[in-house]
């Protein structure tokens, strides 16, 4: 069972693994206060299922970022590795 590849990842885990948030409690707080949209749909569920191809709109302290999920990381790694799992989309 552990060898089965999962085609989704919890939103809060993705935010931490992709290094948008430092910890899961910070990611949960961001989602619950309405700071995240998945494919333009508002969500307040940290456990929302995220799939490759989904587009996230993130209201971060550093500003709004729009990113497309390219892959699902298995753990939090170094920044260059984390950046391979998404691409930034020009919000303008």
PDB file of N, CA and C in Angstrom:
ATOM      1  N   UNK A   1       0.808  -1.207   0.000  1.00  0.00           N
ATOM      2  CA  UNK A   1       0.000   0.000   0.000  1.00  0.00           C
ATOM      3  C   UNK A   1       0.848   1.267   0.000  1.00  0.00           C
ATOM      4  N   UNK A   2       1.950   1.262   0.732  1.00  0.00           N
ATOM      5  CA  UNK A   2       2.796   2.444   0.809  1.00  0.00           C
ATOM      6  C   UNK A   2       3.457   2.750  -0.530  1.00  0.00           C
ATOM      7  N   UNK A   3       3.564   1.735  -1.409  1.00  0.00           N
ATOM      8  CA  UNK A   3       4.199   1.940  -2.698  1.00  0.00           C
ATOM      9  C   UNK A   3       3.262   2.561  -3.736  1.00  0.00           C
ATOM     10  N   UNK A   4       1.965   2.581  -3.448  1.00  0.00           N
ATOM     11  CA  UNK A   4       1.014   3.158  -4.396  1.00  0.00           C
ATOM     12  C   UNK A   4       1.265   4.654  -4.515  1.00  0.00           C
ATOM     13  N   UNK A   5       1.290   5.122  -5.744  1.00  0.00           N
ATOM     14  CA  UNK A   5       1.495   6.546  -5.959  1.00  0.00           C
ATOM     15  C   UNK A   5       0.175   7.275  -5.814  1.00  0.00           C
ATOM     16  N   UNK A   6       0.179   8.328  -5.045  1.00  0.00           N
ATOM     17  CA  UNK A   6      -1.023   9.107  -4.790  1.00  0.00           C
ATOM     18  C   UNK A   6      -1.066  10.252  -5.794  1.00  0.00           C
ATOM     19  N   UNK A   7      -2.238  10.513  -6.372  1.00  0.00           N
ATOM     20  CA  UNK A   7      -2.341  11.579  -7.370  1.00  0.00           C
ATOM     21  C   UNK A   7      -2.844  12.883  -6.776  1.00  0.00           C
ATOM     22  N   UNK A   8      -2.814  13.004  -5.462  1.00  0.00           N
ATOM     23  CA  UNK A   8      -3.212  14.246  -4.796  1.00  0.00           C
ATOM     24  C   UNK A   8      -2.408  14.416  -3.515  1.00  0.00           C
ATOM     25  N   UNK A   9      -2.414  15.642  -2.995  1.00  0.00           N
ATOM     26  CA  UNK A   9      -1.722  15.966  -1.755  1.00  0.00           C
ATOM     27  C   UNK A   9      -2.552  17.000  -1.021  1.00  0.00           C
ATOM     28  N   UNK A  10      -2.584  16.905   0.288  1.00  0.00           N
ATOM     29  CA  UNK A  10      -3.296  17.911   1.091  1.00  0.00           C
ATOM     30  C   UNK A  10      -2.717  19.293   0.813  1.00  0.00           C
ATOM     31  N   UNK A  11      -3.592  20.277   0.722  1.00  0.00           N
ATOM     32  CA  UNK A  11      -3.186  21.650   0.442  1.00  0.00           C
ATOM     33  C   UNK A  11      -2.181  22.159   1.475  1.00  0.00           C
ATOM     34  N   UNK A  12      -2.440  21.941   2.759  1.00  0.00           N
ATOM     35  CA  UNK A  12      -1.534  22.458   3.783  1.00  0.00           C
ATOM     36  C   UNK A  12      -0.141  21.829   3.672  1.00  0.00           C
ATOM     37  N   UNK A  13      -0.077  20.543   3.338  1.00  0.00           N
ATOM     38  CA  UNK A  13       1.226  19.896   3.163  1.00  0.00           C
ATOM     39  C   UNK A  13       1.958  20.479   1.954  1.00  0.00           C
ATOM     40  N   UNK A  14       1.240  20.709   0.852  1.00  0.00           N
ATOM     41  CA  UNK A  14       1.875  21.278  -0.336  1.00  0.00           C
ATOM     42  C   UNK A  14       2.468  22.650  -0.018  1.00  0.00           C
ATOM     43  N   UNK A  15       1.729  23.470   0.710  1.00  0.00           N
ATOM     44  CA  UNK A  15       2.216  24.816   1.028  1.00  0.00           C
ATOM     45  C   UNK A  15       3.513  24.762   1.829  1.00  0.00           C
ATOM     46  N   UNK A  16       3.651  23.765   2.683  1.00  0.00           N
ATOM     47  CA  UNK A  16       4.880  23.608   3.465  1.00  0.00           C
ATOM     48  C   UNK A  16       5.981  22.982   2.614  1.00  0.00           C
ATOM     49  N   UNK A  17       5.666  21.894   1.911  1.00  0.00           N
ATOM     50  CA  UNK A  17       6.668  21.201   1.103  1.00  0.00           C
ATOM     51  C   UNK A  17       7.220  22.094   0.000  1.00  0.00           C
ATOM     52  N   UNK A  18       6.377  22.956  -0.582  1.00  0.00           N
ATOM     53  CA  UNK A  18       6.809  23.865  -1.654  1.00  0.00           C
ATOM     54  C   UNK A  18       7.395  25.164  -1.089  1.00  0.00           C
ATOM     55  N   UNK A  19       7.474  25.253   0.232  1.00  0.00           N
ATOM     56  CA  UNK A  19       8.127  26.340   0.950  1.00  0.00           C
ATOM     57  C   UNK A  19       7.410  27.689   0.842  1.00  0.00           C
ATOM     58  N   UNK A  20       6.086  27.660   0.709  1.00  0.00           N
ATOM     59  CA  UNK A  20       5.304  28.896   0.789  1.00  0.00           C
ATOM     60  C   UNK A  20       5.041  29.248   2.249  1.00  0.00           C
ATOM     61  N   UNK A  21       5.013  28.228   3.119  1.00  0.00           N
ATOM     62  CA  UNK A  21       4.807  28.399   4.561  1.00  0.00           C
ATOM     63  C   UNK A  21       5.870  27.591   5.295  1.00  0.00           C
ATOM     64  N   UNK A  22       6.265  28.076   6.478  1.00  0.00           N
ATOM     65  CA  UNK A  22       7.318  27.386   7.227  1.00  0.00           C
ATOM     66  C   UNK A  22       6.820  26.139   7.942  1.00  0.00           C
ATOM     67  N   UNK A  23       5.574  26.166   8.423  1.00  0.00           N
ATOM     68  CA  UNK A  23       5.036  25.030   9.177  1.00  0.00           C
ATOM     69  C   UNK A  23       3.590  24.766   8.761  1.00  0.00           C
ATOM     70  N   UNK A  24       3.092  23.573   9.104  1.00  0.00           N
ATOM     71  CA  UNK A  24       1.699  23.263   8.779  1.00  0.00           C
ATOM     72  C   UNK A  24       0.727  24.158   9.535  1.00  0.00           C
ATOM     73  N   UNK A  25       0.961  24.475  10.826  1.00  0.00           N
ATOM     74  CA  UNK A  25       0.024  25.407  11.486  1.00  0.00           C
ATOM     75  C   UNK A  25      -0.062  26.764  10.787  1.00  0.00           C
ATOM     76  N   UNK A  26       1.046  27.247  10.243  1.00  0.00           N
ATOM     77  CA  UNK A  26       1.032  28.518   9.498  1.00  0.00           C
ATOM     78  C   UNK A  26       0.225  28.335   8.206  1.00  0.00           C
ATOM     79  N   UNK A  27       0.412  27.202   7.536  1.00  0.00           N
ATOM     80  CA  UNK A  27      -0.336  26.918   6.300  1.00  0.00           C
ATOM     81  C   UNK A  27      -1.827  26.803   6.594  1.00  0.00           C
ATOM     82  N   UNK A  28      -2.191  26.114   7.673  1.00  0.00           N
ATOM     83  CA  UNK A  28      -3.600  25.962   8.058  1.00  0.00           C
ATOM     84  C   UNK A  28      -4.218  27.329   8.320  1.00  0.00           C
ATOM     85  N   UNK A  29      -3.499  28.191   9.034  1.00  0.00           N
ATOM     86  CA  UNK A  29      -4.016  29.529   9.335  1.00  0.00           C
ATOM     87  C   UNK A  29      -4.235  30.335   8.051  1.00  0.00           C
ATOM     88  N   UNK A  30      -3.301  30.254   7.115  1.00  0.00           N
ATOM     89  CA  UNK A  30      -3.438  30.966   5.842  1.00  0.00           C
ATOM     90  C   UNK A  30      -4.683  30.501   5.096  1.00  0.00           C
ATOM     91  N   UNK A  31      -4.888  29.196   5.028  1.00  0.00           N
ATOM     92  CA  UNK A  31      -6.040  28.642   4.309  1.00  0.00           C
ATOM     93  C   UNK A  31      -7.343  29.018   5.020  1.00  0.00           C
ATOM     94  N   UNK A  32      -7.379  28.851   6.337  1.00  0.00           N
ATOM     95  CA  UNK A  32      -8.620  29.099   7.085  1.00  0.00           C
ATOM     96  C   UNK A  32      -9.046  30.565   7.082  1.00  0.00           C
ATOM     97  N   UNK A  33      -8.089  31.474   6.911  1.00  0.00           N
ATOM     98  CA  UNK A  33      -8.476  32.897   6.852  1.00  0.00           C
ATOM     99  C   UNK A  33      -8.824  33.344   5.436  1.00  0.00           C
ATOM    100  N   UNK A  34      -8.852  32.392   4.495  1.00  0.00           N
ATOM    101  CA  UNK A  34      -9.266  32.707   3.130  1.00  0.00           C
ATOM    102  C   UNK A  34      -8.156  33.201   2.234  1.00  0.00           C
ATOM    103  N   UNK A  35      -6.911  32.887   2.564  1.00  0.00           N
ATOM    104  CA  UNK A  35      -5.787  33.371   1.795  1.00  0.00           C
ATOM    105  C   UNK A  35      -5.387  32.496   0.617  1.00  0.00           C
ATOM    106  N   UNK A  36      -6.184  31.453   0.322  1.00  0.00           N
ATOM    107  CA  UNK A  36      -5.829  30.541  -0.770  1.00  0.00           C
ATOM    108  C   UNK A  36      -7.051  30.253  -1.638  1.00  0.00           C
ATOM    109  N   UNK A  37      -6.839  30.258  -2.947  1.00  0.00           N
ATOM    110  CA  UNK A  37      -7.865  29.822  -3.901  1.00  0.00           C
ATOM    111  C   UNK A  37      -7.273  28.701  -4.732  1.00  0.00           C
ATOM    112  N   UNK A  38      -8.099  27.702  -5.026  1.00  0.00           N
ATOM    113  CA  UNK A  38      -7.699  26.614  -5.909  1.00  0.00           C
ATOM    114  C   UNK A  38      -8.552  26.729  -7.165  1.00  0.00           C
ATOM    115  N   UNK A  39      -7.919  26.912  -8.299  1.00  0.00           N
ATOM    116  CA  UNK A  39      -8.627  27.078  -9.577  1.00  0.00           C
ATOM    117  C   UNK A  39      -9.723  28.135  -9.460  1.00  0.00           C
ATOM    118  N   UNK A  40      -9.347  29.256  -8.877  1.00  0.00           N
ATOM    119  CA  UNK A  40     -10.222  30.434  -8.690  1.00  0.00           C
ATOM    120  C   UNK A  40     -11.344  30.234  -7.676  1.00  0.00           C
ATOM    121  N   UNK A  41     -11.410  29.068  -7.051  1.00  0.00           N
ATOM    122  CA  UNK A  41     -12.449  28.795  -6.053  1.00  0.00           C
ATOM    123  C   UNK A  41     -11.859  28.972  -4.659  1.00  0.00           C
ATOM    124  N   UNK A  42     -12.503  29.793  -3.854  1.00  0.00           N
ATOM    125  CA  UNK A  42     -12.056  30.017  -2.492  1.00  0.00           C
ATOM    126  C   UNK A  42     -12.158  28.722  -1.696  1.00  0.00           C
ATOM    127  N   UNK A  43     -11.201  28.480  -0.818  1.00  0.00           N
ATOM    128  CA  UNK A  43     -11.275  27.312   0.045  1.00  0.00           C
ATOM    129  C   UNK A  43     -10.806  27.683   1.442  1.00  0.00           C
ATOM    130  N   UNK A  44     -11.439  27.117   2.433  1.00  0.00           N
ATOM    131  CA  UNK A  44     -11.020  27.286   3.816  1.00  0.00           C
ATOM    132  C   UNK A  44     -10.701  25.924   4.417  1.00  0.00           C
ATOM    133  N   UNK A  45     -10.433  24.951   3.543  1.00  0.00           N
ATOM    134  CA  UNK A  45     -10.164  23.581   3.976  1.00  0.00           C
ATOM    135  C   UNK A  45      -8.680  23.245   3.779  1.00  0.00           C
ATOM    136  N   UNK A  46      -7.925  23.172   4.868  1.00  0.00           N
ATOM    137  CA  UNK A  46      -6.511  22.816   4.742  1.00  0.00           C
ATOM    138  C   UNK A  46      -6.322  21.415   4.162  1.00  0.00           C
ATOM    139  N   UNK A  47      -7.342  20.566   4.301  1.00  0.00           N
ATOM    140  CA  UNK A  47      -7.252  19.185   3.805  1.00  0.00           C
ATOM    141  C   UNK A  47      -7.728  19.045   2.355  1.00  0.00           C
ATOM    142  N   UNK A  48      -7.977  20.169   1.672  1.00  0.00           N
ATOM    143  CA  UNK A  48      -8.413  20.106   0.275  1.00  0.00           C
ATOM    144  C   UNK A  48      -7.391  19.331  -0.546  1.00  0.00           C
ATOM    145  N   UNK A  49      -7.883  18.531  -1.495  1.00  0.00           N
ATOM    146  CA  UNK A  49      -7.000  17.714  -2.332  1.00  0.00           C
ATOM    147  C   UNK A  49      -6.449  18.551  -3.480  1.00  0.00           C
ATOM    148  N   UNK A  50      -5.135  18.541  -3.597  1.00  0.00           N
ATOM    149  CA  UNK A  50      -4.448  19.294  -4.632  1.00  0.00           C
ATOM    150  C   UNK A  50      -3.888  18.316  -5.652  1.00  0.00           C
ATOM    151  N   UNK A  51      -4.083  18.610  -6.927  1.00  0.00           N
ATOM    152  CA  UNK A  51      -3.646  17.742  -8.023  1.00  0.00           C
ATOM    153  C   UNK A  51      -2.698  18.506  -8.938  1.00  0.00           C
ATOM    154  N   UNK A  52      -1.795  17.811  -9.638  1.00  0.00           N
ATOM    155  CA  UNK A  52      -0.984  18.499 -10.644  1.00  0.00           C
ATOM    156  C   UNK A  52      -1.901  19.168 -11.674  1.00  0.00           C
ATOM    157  N   UNK A  53      -1.570  20.379 -12.064  1.00  0.00           N
ATOM    158  CA  UNK A  53      -2.396  21.140 -13.000  1.00  0.00           C
ATOM    159  C   UNK A  53      -3.285  22.160 -12.316  1.00  0.00           C
ATOM    160  N   UNK A  54      -3.500  21.999 -11.002  1.00  0.00           N
ATOM    161  CA  UNK A  54      -4.298  22.984 -10.275  1.00  0.00           C
ATOM    162  C   UNK A  54      -3.553  24.315 -10.223  1.00  0.00           C
ATOM    163  N   UNK A  55      -4.305  25.407 -10.194  1.00  0.00           N
ATOM    164  CA  UNK A  55      -3.727  26.740 -10.088  1.00  0.00           C
ATOM    165  C   UNK A  55      -4.090  27.316  -8.729  1.00  0.00           C
ATOM    166  N   UNK A  56      -3.068  27.732  -7.986  1.00  0.00           N
ATOM    167  CA  UNK A  56      -3.270  28.314  -6.661  1.00  0.00           C
ATOM    168  C   UNK A  56      -3.070  29.816  -6.710  1.00  0.00           C
ATOM    169  N   UNK A  57      -3.949  30.538  -6.043  1.00  0.00           N
ATOM    170  CA  UNK A  57      -3.764  31.962  -5.819  1.00  0.00           C
ATOM    171  C   UNK A  57      -3.515  32.113  -4.333  1.00  0.00           C
ATOM    172  N   UNK A  58      -2.346  32.637  -3.981  1.00  0.00           N
ATOM    173  CA  UNK A  58      -1.929  32.711  -2.585  1.00  0.00           C
ATOM    174  C   UNK A  58      -1.765  34.156  -2.157  1.00  0.00           C
ATOM    175  N   UNK A  59      -2.460  34.544  -1.095  1.00  0.00           N
ATOM    176  CA  UNK A  59      -2.303  35.879  -0.520  1.00  0.00           C
ATOM    177  C   UNK A  59      -1.262  35.764   0.593  1.00  0.00           C
ATOM    178  N   UNK A  60       0.000  35.940   0.223  1.00  0.00           N
ATOM    179  CA  UNK A  60       1.112  35.791   1.159  1.00  0.00           C
ATOM    180  C   UNK A  60       1.525  37.153   1.698  1.00  0.00           C
ATOM    181  N   UNK A  61       2.232  37.183   2.836  1.00  0.00           N
ATOM    182  CA  UNK A  61       2.709  38.467   3.362  1.00  0.00           C
ATOM    183  C   UNK A  61       3.580  39.232   2.367  1.00  0.00           C
ATOM    184  N   UNK A  62       4.278  38.494   1.492  1.00  0.00           N
ATOM    185  CA  UNK A  62       5.138  39.135   0.497  1.00  0.00           C
ATOM    186  C   UNK A  62       4.376  39.597  -0.741  1.00  0.00           C
ATOM    187  N   UNK A  63       3.080  39.305  -0.806  1.00  0.00           N
ATOM    188  CA  UNK A  63       2.258  39.699  -1.944  1.00  0.00           C
ATOM    189  C   UNK A  63       1.491  38.517  -2.504  1.00  0.00           C
ATOM    190  N   UNK A  64       0.657  38.789  -3.491  1.00  0.00           N
ATOM    191  CA  UNK A  64      -0.158  37.736  -4.100  1.00  0.00           C
ATOM    192  C   UNK A  64       0.669  36.994  -5.139  1.00  0.00           C
ATOM    193  N   UNK A  65       0.620  35.656  -5.065  1.00  0.00           N
ATOM    194  CA  UNK A  65       1.306  34.818  -6.051  1.00  0.00           C
ATOM    195  C   UNK A  65       0.285  33.888  -6.672  1.00  0.00           C
ATOM    196  N   UNK A  66       0.426  33.676  -7.983  1.00  0.00           N
ATOM    197  CA  UNK A  66      -0.405  32.712  -8.700  1.00  0.00           C
ATOM    198  C   UNK A  66       0.553  31.667  -9.258  1.00  0.00           C
ATOM    199  N   UNK A  67       0.321  30.402  -8.871  1.00  0.00           N
ATOM    200  CA  UNK A  67       1.226  29.336  -9.290  1.00  0.00           C
ATOM    201  C   UNK A  67       0.432  28.138  -9.803  1.00  0.00           C
ATOM    202  N   UNK A  68       1.032  27.436 -10.758  1.00  0.00           N
ATOM    203  CA  UNK A  68       0.461  26.187 -11.246  1.00  0.00           C
ATOM    204  C   UNK A  68       1.235  25.040 -10.612  1.00  0.00           C
ATOM    205  N   UNK A  69       0.509  24.063 -10.086  1.00  0.00           N
ATOM    206  CA  UNK A  69       1.128  22.893  -9.472  1.00  0.00           C
ATOM    207  C   UNK A  69       1.608  21.968 -10.594  1.00  0.00           C
ATOM    208  N   UNK A  70       2.902  21.674 -10.618  1.00  0.00           N
ATOM    209  CA  UNK A  70       3.474  20.811 -11.644  1.00  0.00           C
ATOM    210  C   UNK A  70       3.655  19.386 -11.146  1.00  0.00           C
ATOM    211  N   UNK A  71       3.828  19.231  -9.852  1.00  0.00           N
ATOM    212  CA  UNK A  71       4.040  17.918  -9.266  1.00  0.00           C
ATOM    213  C   UNK A  71       3.766  17.957  -7.779  1.00  0.00           C
ATOM    214  N   UNK A  72       3.812  16.793  -7.166  1.00  0.00           N
ATOM    215  CA  UNK A  72       3.501  16.677  -5.746  1.00  0.00           C
ATOM    216  C   UNK A  72       4.737  16.197  -4.982  1.00  0.00           C
ATOM    217  N   UNK A  73       5.340  17.085  -4.192  1.00  0.00           N
ATOM    218  CA  UNK A  73       6.525  16.686  -3.436  1.00  0.00           C
ATOM    219  C   UNK A  73       6.165  15.683  -2.335  1.00  0.00           C
ATOM    220  N   UNK A  74       7.132  14.842  -1.980  1.00  0.00           N
ATOM    221  CA  UNK A  74       6.916  13.852  -0.920  1.00  0.00           C
ATOM    222  C   UNK A  74       7.340  14.387   0.435  1.00  0.00           C
ATOM    223  N   UNK A  75       8.196  15.414   0.423  1.00  0.00           N
ATOM    224  CA  UNK A  75       8.678  15.996   1.678  1.00  0.00           C
ATOM    225  C   UNK A  75       9.169  17.407   1.407  1.00  0.00           C
ATOM    226  N   UNK A  76       9.466  18.132   2.479  1.00  0.00           N
ATOM    227  CA  UNK A  76      10.019  19.481   2.361  1.00  0.00           C
ATOM    228  C   UNK A  76      11.510  19.344   2.079  1.00  0.00           C
ATOM    229  N   UNK A  77      11.943  19.949   0.993  1.00  0.00           N
ATOM    230  CA  UNK A  77      13.350  19.889   0.616  1.00  0.00           C
ATOM    231  C   UNK A  77      13.917  21.282   0.463  1.00  0.00           C
ATOM    232  N   UNK A  78      15.109  21.374  -0.091  1.00  0.00           N
ATOM    233  CA  UNK A  78      15.711  22.688  -0.315  1.00  0.00           C
ATOM    234  C   UNK A  78      14.897  23.507  -1.319  1.00  0.00           C
ATOM    235  N   UNK A  79      15.037  24.816  -1.244  1.00  0.00           N
ATOM    236  CA  UNK A  79      14.248  25.713  -2.097  1.00  0.00           C
ATOM    237  C   UNK A  79      14.332  25.386  -3.589  1.00  0.00           C
ATOM    238  N   UNK A  80      15.518  25.166  -4.150  1.00  0.00           N
ATOM    239  CA  UNK A  80      15.569  24.864  -5.595  1.00  0.00           C
ATOM    240  C   UNK A  80      14.774  23.602  -5.952  1.00  0.00           C
ATOM    241  N   UNK A  81      14.817  22.616  -5.078  1.00  0.00           N
ATOM    242  CA  UNK A  81      14.060  21.375  -5.301  1.00  0.00           C
ATOM    243  C   UNK A  81      12.556  21.649  -5.200  1.00  0.00           C
ATOM    244  N   UNK A  82      12.156  22.445  -4.206  1.00  0.00           N
ATOM    245  CA  UNK A  82      10.743  22.760  -4.001  1.00  0.00           C
ATOM    246  C   UNK A  82      10.165  23.535  -5.190  1.00  0.00           C
ATOM    247  N   UNK A  83      10.970  24.411  -5.776  1.00  0.00           N
ATOM    248  CA  UNK A  83      10.500  25.238  -6.887  1.00  0.00           C
ATOM    249  C   UNK A  83      10.234  24.428  -8.142  1.00  0.00           C
ATOM    250  N   UNK A  84      10.722  23.223  -8.213  1.00  0.00           N
ATOM    251  CA  UNK A  84      10.479  22.368  -9.378  1.00  0.00           C
ATOM    252  C   UNK A  84       9.050  21.827  -9.399  1.00  0.00           C
ATOM    253  N   UNK A  85       8.325  21.954  -8.286  1.00  0.00           N
ATOM    254  CA  UNK A  85       6.974  21.414  -8.195  1.00  0.00           C
ATOM    255  C   UNK A  85       5.883  22.419  -8.560  1.00  0.00           C
ATOM    256  N   UNK A  86       6.275  23.652  -8.917  1.00  0.00           N
ATOM    257  CA  UNK A  86       5.296  24.660  -9.329  1.00  0.00           C
ATOM    258  C   UNK A  86       5.957  25.639 -10.275  1.00  0.00           C
ATOM    259  N   UNK A  87       5.124  26.351 -11.011  1.00  0.00           N
ATOM    260  CA  UNK A  87       5.639  27.470 -11.825  1.00  0.00           C
ATOM    261  C   UNK A  87       4.777  28.680 -11.548  1.00  0.00           C
ATOM    262  N   UNK A  88       5.437  29.801 -11.436  1.00  0.00           N
ATOM    263  CA  UNK A  88       4.732  31.039 -11.163  1.00  0.00           C
ATOM    264  C   UNK A  88       4.081  31.562 -12.436  1.00  0.00           C
ATOM    265  N   UNK A  89       2.852  32.000 -12.308  1.00  0.00           N
ATOM    266  CA  UNK A  89       2.101  32.560 -13.438  1.00  0.00           C
ATOM    267  C   UNK A  89       2.008  34.057 -13.225  1.00  0.00           C
ATOM    268  N   UNK A  90       2.236  34.828 -14.265  1.00  0.00           N
ATOM    269  CA  UNK A  90       2.144  36.278 -14.163  1.00  0.00           C
ATOM    270  C   UNK A  90       0.702  36.656 -13.887  1.00  0.00           C
ATOM    271  N   UNK A  91       0.452  37.266 -12.747  1.00  0.00           N
ATOM    272  CA  UNK A  91      -0.903  37.640 -12.340  1.00  0.00           C
ATOM    273  C   UNK A  91      -1.408  38.866 -13.094  1.00  0.00           C
ATOM    274  N   UNK A  92      -0.518  39.557 -13.770  1.00  0.00           N
ATOM    275  CA  UNK A  92      -0.897  40.794 -14.462  1.00  0.00           C
ATOM    276  C   UNK A  92      -1.420  40.481 -15.779  1.00  0.00           C
TER     277      UNK A  92
END
